[in-house]
N, C-alpha and C. Protein backbone atom coordinates (compact mmCIF):
# COMPACT_ATOMS: atom_id res chain seq x y z
N MET A 1 18.28 -91.88 17.96
CA MET A 1 19.75 -91.68 17.94
C MET A 1 20.69 -92.64 18.11
N ASN A 2 20.49 -93.17 19.35
CA ASN A 2 21.34 -94.31 19.82
C ASN A 2 21.25 -95.57 19.05
N LEU A 3 20.09 -96.02 18.29
CA LEU A 3 20.03 -97.07 17.12
C LEU A 3 21.07 -96.67 16.35
N ARG A 4 21.09 -95.25 15.71
CA ARG A 4 21.98 -95.25 14.31
C ARG A 4 23.39 -95.45 14.66
N ARG A 5 23.45 -94.79 15.95
CA ARG A 5 24.95 -95.18 16.29
C ARG A 5 25.28 -96.57 16.64
N ASN A 6 24.68 -97.44 17.32
CA ASN A 6 24.92 -98.38 17.47
C ASN A 6 24.84 -99.46 16.09
N ARG A 7 24.05 -99.15 15.14
CA ARG A 7 24.20 -99.82 13.91
C ARG A 7 25.31 -99.49 13.10
N GLY A 8 25.92 -98.06 13.25
CA GLY A 8 27.19 -97.81 12.71
C GLY A 8 28.23 -98.48 13.33
N ALA A 9 28.09 -98.65 14.59
CA ALA A 9 29.22 -99.05 15.29
C ALA A 9 29.33 -100.64 15.39
N GLN A 10 28.20 -101.26 15.17
CA GLN A 10 28.04 -102.56 14.84
C GLN A 10 28.60 -102.95 13.36
N ALA A 11 28.50 -102.14 12.65
CA ALA A 11 28.59 -102.35 10.81
C ALA A 11 30.18 -102.30 10.87
N ALA A 12 31.04 -101.19 11.70
CA ALA A 12 32.19 -101.30 11.62
C ALA A 12 32.92 -102.28 12.31
N LEU A 13 32.29 -102.72 13.43
CA LEU A 13 32.70 -103.64 14.24
C LEU A 13 33.08 -105.06 13.01
N LEU A 14 31.76 -105.35 12.31
CA LEU A 14 31.81 -106.52 11.55
C LEU A 14 32.77 -106.08 10.09
N SER A 15 32.80 -105.06 9.92
CA SER A 15 33.83 -104.80 8.85
C SER A 15 35.38 -105.03 9.48
N LEU A 16 35.45 -104.53 10.55
CA LEU A 16 36.76 -104.87 11.20
C LEU A 16 37.12 -106.24 11.34
N GLU A 17 36.07 -107.03 11.86
CA GLU A 17 36.52 -108.53 11.82
C GLU A 17 36.62 -109.36 10.32
N ALA A 18 35.83 -108.74 9.65
CA ALA A 18 35.96 -109.16 8.25
C ALA A 18 37.63 -109.01 7.70
N ASP A 19 37.83 -107.62 8.01
CA ASP A 19 39.41 -107.68 7.59
C ASP A 19 40.52 -108.07 8.63
N ALA A 20 39.88 -108.41 9.24
CA ALA A 20 41.02 -109.28 10.33
C ALA A 20 41.27 -110.65 9.90
N ALA A 21 39.97 -111.22 9.48
CA ALA A 21 39.84 -112.51 9.07
C ALA A 21 40.64 -113.00 7.73
N SER A 22 40.63 -111.98 6.86
CA SER A 22 40.96 -111.92 5.52
C SER A 22 42.42 -111.63 5.58
N ALA A 23 42.92 -111.03 6.73
CA ALA A 23 44.36 -110.39 7.05
C ALA A 23 45.01 -111.58 7.68
N ARG A 24 44.52 -112.56 8.39
CA ARG A 24 45.14 -113.68 9.16
C ARG A 24 45.08 -114.68 7.98
N GLY A 25 44.40 -114.78 7.03
CA GLY A 25 44.49 -115.78 5.86
C GLY A 25 45.60 -115.42 4.72
N GLY A 26 46.11 -114.33 4.90
CA GLY A 26 47.37 -113.99 3.91
C GLY A 26 48.37 -114.38 4.55
N PHE A 27 48.55 -114.81 6.12
CA PHE A 27 49.89 -115.08 6.70
C PHE A 27 49.82 -116.90 6.77
N ALA A 28 48.72 -117.27 5.91
CA ALA A 28 49.09 -118.81 5.94
C ALA A 28 49.90 -119.42 5.07
N CYS A 29 50.51 -120.27 5.45
CA CYS A 29 51.57 -120.93 4.50
C CYS A 29 50.93 -122.06 3.52
N MET A 30 51.31 -121.88 2.38
CA MET A 30 50.79 -122.88 1.24
C MET A 30 51.46 -124.18 1.35
N PHE A 31 52.41 -124.44 2.05
CA PHE A 31 53.26 -125.86 2.09
C PHE A 31 53.07 -126.23 3.47
N SER A 32 52.67 -127.62 3.65
CA SER A 32 52.43 -128.27 4.94
C SER A 32 53.74 -128.71 5.51
N THR A 33 54.81 -128.84 4.70
CA THR A 33 56.15 -129.19 5.25
C THR A 33 57.38 -128.47 4.71
N SER A 34 58.54 -128.29 5.37
CA SER A 34 59.37 -127.83 4.89
C SER A 34 59.96 -128.46 3.45
N ASP A 35 59.74 -129.98 3.28
CA ASP A 35 60.06 -130.36 2.09
C ASP A 35 59.41 -129.99 1.10
N GLU A 36 58.06 -129.75 1.01
CA GLU A 36 57.35 -129.15 -0.03
C GLU A 36 57.63 -127.69 -0.45
N TYR A 37 58.24 -127.35 0.65
CA TYR A 37 58.74 -125.81 0.32
C TYR A 37 60.08 -125.85 -0.23
N GLU A 38 61.15 -126.50 -0.02
CA GLU A 38 62.21 -126.70 -0.56
C GLU A 38 62.13 -127.27 -1.93
N SER A 39 61.03 -128.04 -2.38
CA SER A 39 60.92 -128.72 -3.61
C SER A 39 60.31 -127.44 -4.49
N ALA A 40 59.58 -126.88 -4.00
CA ALA A 40 58.74 -125.83 -4.87
C ALA A 40 60.00 -124.61 -5.15
N VAL A 41 61.02 -124.27 -4.10
CA VAL A 41 61.91 -123.46 -4.44
C VAL A 41 63.07 -123.89 -5.61
N ILE A 42 63.25 -125.35 -5.50
CA ILE A 42 64.06 -125.66 -6.41
C ILE A 42 63.72 -125.74 -7.83
N ASN A 43 62.33 -126.43 -7.65
CA ASN A 43 61.50 -126.17 -9.06
C ASN A 43 61.47 -124.54 -9.77
N GLU A 44 61.23 -123.99 -8.76
CA GLU A 44 61.00 -122.35 -9.40
C GLU A 44 62.47 -122.02 -9.81
N ARG A 45 63.69 -122.35 -9.05
CA ARG A 45 65.01 -121.73 -9.76
C ARG A 45 65.12 -122.71 -10.82
N ARG A 46 64.96 -123.80 -11.04
CA ARG A 46 65.28 -124.70 -12.24
C ARG A 46 64.51 -123.96 -13.50
N ALA A 47 63.23 -123.48 -13.22
CA ALA A 47 62.68 -122.80 -14.35
C ALA A 47 63.20 -121.36 -14.79
N GLN A 48 64.05 -120.69 -13.70
CA GLN A 48 64.41 -119.57 -14.24
C GLN A 48 65.81 -119.78 -14.85
N GLY A 49 66.36 -120.90 -14.76
CA GLY A 49 67.55 -121.63 -15.16
C GLY A 49 69.08 -121.19 -14.46
N ARG A 50 68.52 -121.05 -13.21
CA ARG A 50 69.72 -121.18 -12.30
C ARG A 50 70.47 -122.22 -12.30
N TYR A 51 69.93 -123.49 -12.14
CA TYR A 51 70.98 -124.88 -12.12
C TYR A 51 71.43 -125.07 -13.58
N HIS A 52 71.30 -124.24 -14.33
CA HIS A 52 71.91 -124.62 -16.01
C HIS A 52 73.34 -124.75 -15.72
N ARG A 53 73.93 -125.67 -16.14
CA ARG A 53 75.47 -125.83 -16.21
C ARG A 53 75.81 -125.28 -17.63
N ARG A 54 76.68 -124.11 -17.43
CA ARG A 54 77.31 -123.20 -18.48
C ARG A 54 78.43 -124.26 -18.78
N SER A 55 78.59 -124.66 -20.15
CA SER A 55 79.91 -125.21 -20.21
C SER A 55 80.89 -124.18 -20.81
N SER A 56 81.94 -124.22 -20.05
CA SER A 56 82.84 -123.07 -20.37
C SER A 56 84.43 -123.72 -21.09
N LEU A 57 84.93 -123.09 -21.86
CA LEU A 57 85.99 -123.41 -22.30
C LEU A 57 87.15 -123.08 -21.70
N TRP A 58 87.10 -122.32 -20.86
CA TRP A 58 88.19 -121.80 -19.91
C TRP A 58 89.17 -122.90 -19.33
N PRO A 59 88.43 -123.90 -18.75
CA PRO A 59 89.41 -124.78 -17.71
C PRO A 59 90.32 -125.79 -19.05
N LEU A 60 89.54 -125.99 -20.30
CA LEU A 60 90.19 -126.75 -21.03
C LEU A 60 91.43 -125.73 -21.89
N ALA A 61 91.28 -124.78 -22.21
CA ALA A 61 92.34 -123.66 -22.69
C ALA A 61 93.50 -123.54 -21.34
N LEU A 62 93.02 -123.45 -20.40
CA LEU A 62 94.35 -123.41 -19.35
C LEU A 62 94.99 -124.68 -19.22
N PHE A 63 94.51 -125.82 -19.13
CA PHE A 63 95.08 -127.22 -19.03
C PHE A 63 96.25 -127.22 -20.75
N ALA A 64 95.43 -126.57 -21.49
CA ALA A 64 96.29 -126.95 -22.91
C ALA A 64 97.42 -125.95 -22.95
N GLY A 65 97.28 -124.88 -22.33
CA GLY A 65 98.40 -124.06 -22.11
C GLY A 65 99.51 -124.39 -21.34
N CYS A 66 99.04 -124.88 -20.05
CA CYS A 66 100.11 -125.55 -18.98
C CYS A 66 100.72 -126.45 -19.88
N ALA A 67 99.88 -127.70 -20.42
CA ALA A 67 100.50 -128.54 -20.86
C ALA A 67 101.69 -128.25 -21.90
N ALA A 68 101.34 -127.34 -22.82
CA ALA A 68 102.21 -126.64 -23.62
C ALA A 68 103.52 -126.20 -23.04
N MET A 69 103.38 -125.31 -22.00
CA MET A 69 104.46 -124.90 -21.21
C MET A 69 105.35 -125.72 -20.91
N ILE A 70 104.94 -127.15 -19.97
CA ILE A 70 105.66 -127.95 -19.73
C ILE A 70 106.39 -128.62 -20.59
N ALA A 71 105.60 -129.01 -21.72
CA ALA A 71 106.20 -129.77 -23.19
C ALA A 71 107.55 -128.65 -23.51
N GLY A 72 107.25 -127.68 -23.81
CA GLY A 72 108.07 -126.60 -23.98
C GLY A 72 109.45 -126.58 -23.16
N THR A 73 109.10 -126.57 -21.96
CA THR A 73 110.15 -126.40 -20.88
C THR A 73 110.95 -127.81 -20.99
N LEU A 74 110.45 -129.03 -21.12
CA LEU A 74 110.97 -130.04 -21.30
C LEU A 74 111.74 -130.39 -22.48
N LEU A 75 111.21 -129.85 -23.82
CA LEU A 75 111.90 -129.80 -24.79
C LEU A 75 113.28 -129.04 -24.94
N LEU A 76 113.21 -127.72 -24.01
CA LEU A 76 114.50 -126.80 -23.93
C LEU A 76 115.39 -127.67 -23.21
N TRP A 77 115.26 -128.19 -22.13
CA TRP A 77 116.11 -129.07 -21.46
C TRP A 77 116.97 -130.08 -21.76
N GLN A 78 116.30 -130.63 -22.79
CA GLN A 78 116.94 -131.95 -23.44
C GLN A 78 118.03 -131.58 -24.52
């Protein structure tokens, strides 16, 4: 009976050791330097389109509006 108990305990111990080894492997970093990590983050964000520059017409419209108001004011004063 002691043999069965020892075999079961040994099998449980081996199973725990295997689980611990696989858990330790999950914490390993796939980047060796911070530069590699930052490069991968930037590449991923570019792939998602986060750094895509959206062209907006608002600044141009605001400039045209302000220029028209200034021109109108100057024409009224003359």
